[in-house]
Amino acid sequence: MRRGSRWPNPSHYSRAGHAAESGWLTLLEWARDLFPGGDLGRRGEALAARELRRRGYVILERRWRCRIGEIDIVARDGEVLVVVEVKARSRSDYGPPIDAVDRDKRRKLEKLARAYLQARKLSDVTVRFDLVGVTFSPGEKPRVEVFPNALRF
């Protein structure tokens, strides 16, 4: 950052290519570097996957995407297909992770699960929706909480 300025100087970015050389960065690139929250989400998903494996889940896919959106983790727990939503928090005072999943998000997850079943040509499969909350508190080990069947439709 330049002295006396709140805004980053694009020339200080480590990204190679004509965008950095010309001083033009897309807003998305600028925001990713200034607010690296995506890293929090990825670390949360990695810890969630590790905890689910420890509990005997088989991870089928991570970050499965379609035109509707993204499923964080698709797993199998015995004969049940599990759609897992991961909520990573940087502090515990933001409230429980279940509070971050509102009615609209639940509807979207249900649509995503249907799209996944259709894309993978799966039928007669029992689907469950789990939530994993990961809290990163400064100076502490991350806390991973698994809420099986947390999202009911």
Protein backbone atom coordinates (compact mmCIF):
# COMPACT_ATOMS: atom_id res chain seq x y z
CA MET A 1 0.00 0.00 0.00
CA ARG A 2 1.08 3.52 -0.66
CA ARG A 3 1.64 5.82 2.28
CA GLY A 4 -1.37 7.87 3.21
CA SER A 5 -3.74 5.80 1.11
CA ARG A 6 -6.34 3.26 2.23
CA TRP A 7 -6.40 1.64 -1.21
CA PRO A 8 -3.85 -0.84 -2.48
CA ASN A 9 -1.55 0.02 -5.34
CA PRO A 10 -2.13 -2.55 -8.11
CA SER A 11 1.58 -2.46 -9.02
CA HIS A 12 2.38 -4.12 -5.68
CA TYR A 13 0.44 -7.25 -6.57
CA SER A 14 2.39 -10.40 -7.23
CA ARG A 15 0.08 -11.48 -10.06
CA ALA A 16 1.89 -11.71 -13.37
CA GLY A 17 0.41 -10.76 -16.70
CA HIS A 18 -0.75 -7.74 -18.59
CA ALA A 19 -3.41 -6.77 -16.04
CA ALA A 20 -0.84 -6.13 -13.31
CA GLU A 21 1.64 -4.55 -15.73
CA SER A 22 -0.91 -2.08 -17.04
CA GLY A 23 -2.16 -1.28 -13.55
CA TRP A 24 -5.62 -2.63 -14.34
CA LEU A 25 -7.00 -5.38 -12.15
CA THR A 26 -10.53 -6.56 -12.16
CA LEU A 27 -12.59 -5.72 -9.14
CA LEU A 28 -12.79 -9.40 -8.30
CA GLU A 29 -9.01 -9.83 -8.27
CA TRP A 30 -8.60 -6.72 -6.17
CA ALA A 31 -11.25 -7.88 -3.68
CA ARG A 32 -9.73 -11.38 -3.43
CA ASP A 33 -6.38 -9.94 -2.42
CA LEU A 34 -7.78 -7.30 -0.12
CA PHE A 35 -10.30 -9.60 1.55
CA PRO A 36 -8.92 -13.16 1.51
CA GLY A 37 -12.13 -14.67 2.95
CA GLY A 38 -12.12 -17.40 0.32
CA ASP A 39 -9.12 -18.85 2.08
CA LEU A 40 -11.16 -19.14 5.29
CA GLY A 41 -13.84 -21.06 3.42
CA ARG A 42 -11.35 -23.41 1.78
CA ARG A 43 -9.59 -24.11 5.06
CA GLY A 44 -12.98 -24.73 6.68
CA GLU A 45 -13.97 -27.16 3.94
CA ALA A 46 -10.67 -29.02 4.25
CA LEU A 47 -11.09 -29.40 8.02
CA ALA A 48 -14.72 -30.42 7.56
CA ALA A 49 -13.77 -33.11 5.02
CA ARG A 50 -11.09 -34.44 7.36
CA GLU A 51 -13.55 -34.63 10.27
CA LEU A 52 -16.20 -36.32 8.13
CA ARG A 53 -13.64 -38.93 7.00
CA ARG A 54 -12.67 -39.49 10.63
CA ARG A 55 -16.36 -40.21 11.35
CA GLY A 56 -16.52 -42.77 8.56
CA TYR A 57 -18.01 -40.71 5.75
CA VAL A 58 -16.69 -41.33 2.25
CA ILE A 59 -16.06 -38.03 0.47
CA LEU A 60 -17.36 -38.31 -3.08
CA GLU A 61 -16.85 -34.73 -4.24
CA ARG A 62 -15.78 -31.35 -2.96
CA ARG A 63 -17.00 -28.06 -4.39
CA TRP A 64 -19.35 -29.68 -6.93
CA ARG A 65 -20.70 -26.97 -9.23
CA CYS A 66 -23.54 -26.56 -11.65
CA ARG A 67 -25.44 -23.60 -13.06
CA ILE A 68 -27.48 -23.29 -9.85
CA GLY A 69 -24.50 -23.01 -7.52
CA GLU A 70 -22.11 -25.15 -5.51
CA ILE A 71 -22.32 -27.98 -3.01
CA ASP A 72 -19.42 -27.77 -0.54
CA ILE A 73 -19.10 -31.51 0.05
CA VAL A 74 -20.94 -34.55 -1.27
CA ALA A 75 -20.33 -37.64 0.83
CA ARG A 76 -21.68 -41.08 1.57
CA ASP A 77 -22.51 -42.22 5.08
CA GLY A 78 -23.34 -45.90 4.73
CA GLU A 79 -26.04 -46.08 2.07
CA VAL A 80 -27.07 -42.43 2.51
CA LEU A 81 -25.92 -39.66 0.18
CA VAL A 82 -25.00 -36.64 2.29
CA VAL A 83 -25.02 -33.07 1.01
CA VAL A 84 -22.83 -31.05 3.37
CA GLU A 85 -22.92 -27.29 3.80
CA VAL A 86 -19.80 -25.92 5.50
CA LYS A 87 -19.90 -22.65 7.40
CA ALA A 88 -16.54 -21.28 8.47
CA ARG A 89 -16.40 -18.45 10.96
CA SER A 90 -13.44 -16.35 12.01
CA ARG A 91 -14.93 -15.78 15.47
CA SER A 92 -17.37 -17.59 17.72
CA ASP A 93 -19.32 -14.44 18.60
CA TYR A 94 -20.95 -14.42 15.13
CA GLY A 95 -23.38 -17.02 16.42
CA PRO A 96 -23.89 -20.67 15.62
CA PRO A 97 -23.33 -21.78 12.02
CA ILE A 98 -26.91 -23.03 11.66
CA ASP A 99 -28.03 -19.40 11.88
CA ALA A 100 -26.15 -18.66 8.66
CA VAL A 101 -28.38 -21.04 6.67
CA ASP A 102 -31.66 -19.27 6.03
CA ARG A 103 -34.75 -20.46 4.16
CA ASP A 104 -33.43 -19.33 0.78
CA LYS A 105 -30.15 -21.20 1.29
CA ARG A 106 -32.07 -24.33 2.29
CA ARG A 107 -34.14 -24.13 -0.88
CA LYS A 108 -31.02 -23.68 -2.96
CA LEU A 109 -29.36 -26.69 -1.33
CA GLU A 110 -32.41 -28.80 -2.11
CA LYS A 111 -32.28 -27.71 -5.77
CA LEU A 112 -28.56 -28.40 -5.88
CA ALA A 113 -29.09 -31.89 -4.46
CA ARG A 114 -31.69 -32.62 -7.14
CA ALA A 115 -29.31 -31.33 -9.82
CA TYR A 116 -26.52 -33.53 -8.43
CA LEU A 117 -28.73 -36.63 -8.46
CA GLN A 118 -29.78 -35.88 -12.03
CA ALA A 119 -26.23 -35.15 -13.21
CA ARG A 120 -24.91 -38.38 -11.67
CA LYS A 121 -27.97 -40.36 -12.84
CA LEU A 122 -28.77 -41.50 -9.29
CA SER A 123 -32.24 -42.62 -8.31
CA ASP A 124 -33.77 -44.32 -5.29
CA VAL A 125 -31.13 -42.74 -3.10
CA THR A 126 -31.76 -41.46 0.40
CA VAL A 127 -30.38 -37.93 0.76
CA ARG A 128 -29.48 -36.22 4.01
CA PHE A 129 -28.36 -32.64 4.56
CA ASP A 130 -25.63 -32.11 7.15
CA LEU A 131 -24.07 -28.90 8.34
CA VAL A 132 -20.47 -28.52 9.48
CA GLY A 133 -19.47 -25.43 11.40
CA VAL A 134 -15.81 -24.53 11.62
CA THR A 135 -14.76 -21.74 13.96
CA PHE A 136 -11.29 -20.23 13.78
CA SER A 137 -10.61 -18.34 17.01
CA PRO A 138 -7.28 -16.50 17.32
CA GLY A 139 -4.73 -18.48 19.31
CA GLU A 140 -6.91 -21.59 19.48
CA LYS A 141 -7.23 -24.82 17.57
CA PRO A 142 -10.10 -24.61 15.03
CA ARG A 143 -13.37 -26.04 16.38
CA VAL A 144 -15.21 -28.38 13.99
CA GLU A 145 -18.83 -29.25 14.76
CA VAL A 146 -20.87 -31.69 12.68
CA PHE A 147 -24.66 -31.43 12.70
CA PRO A 148 -26.08 -34.53 10.96
CA ASN A 149 -29.50 -34.07 9.36
CA ALA A 150 -29.41 -30.41 10.40
CA LEU A 151 -31.23 -29.07 7.37
CA ARG A 152 -34.70 -30.57 7.04
CA PHE A 153 -37.02 -29.84 4.17
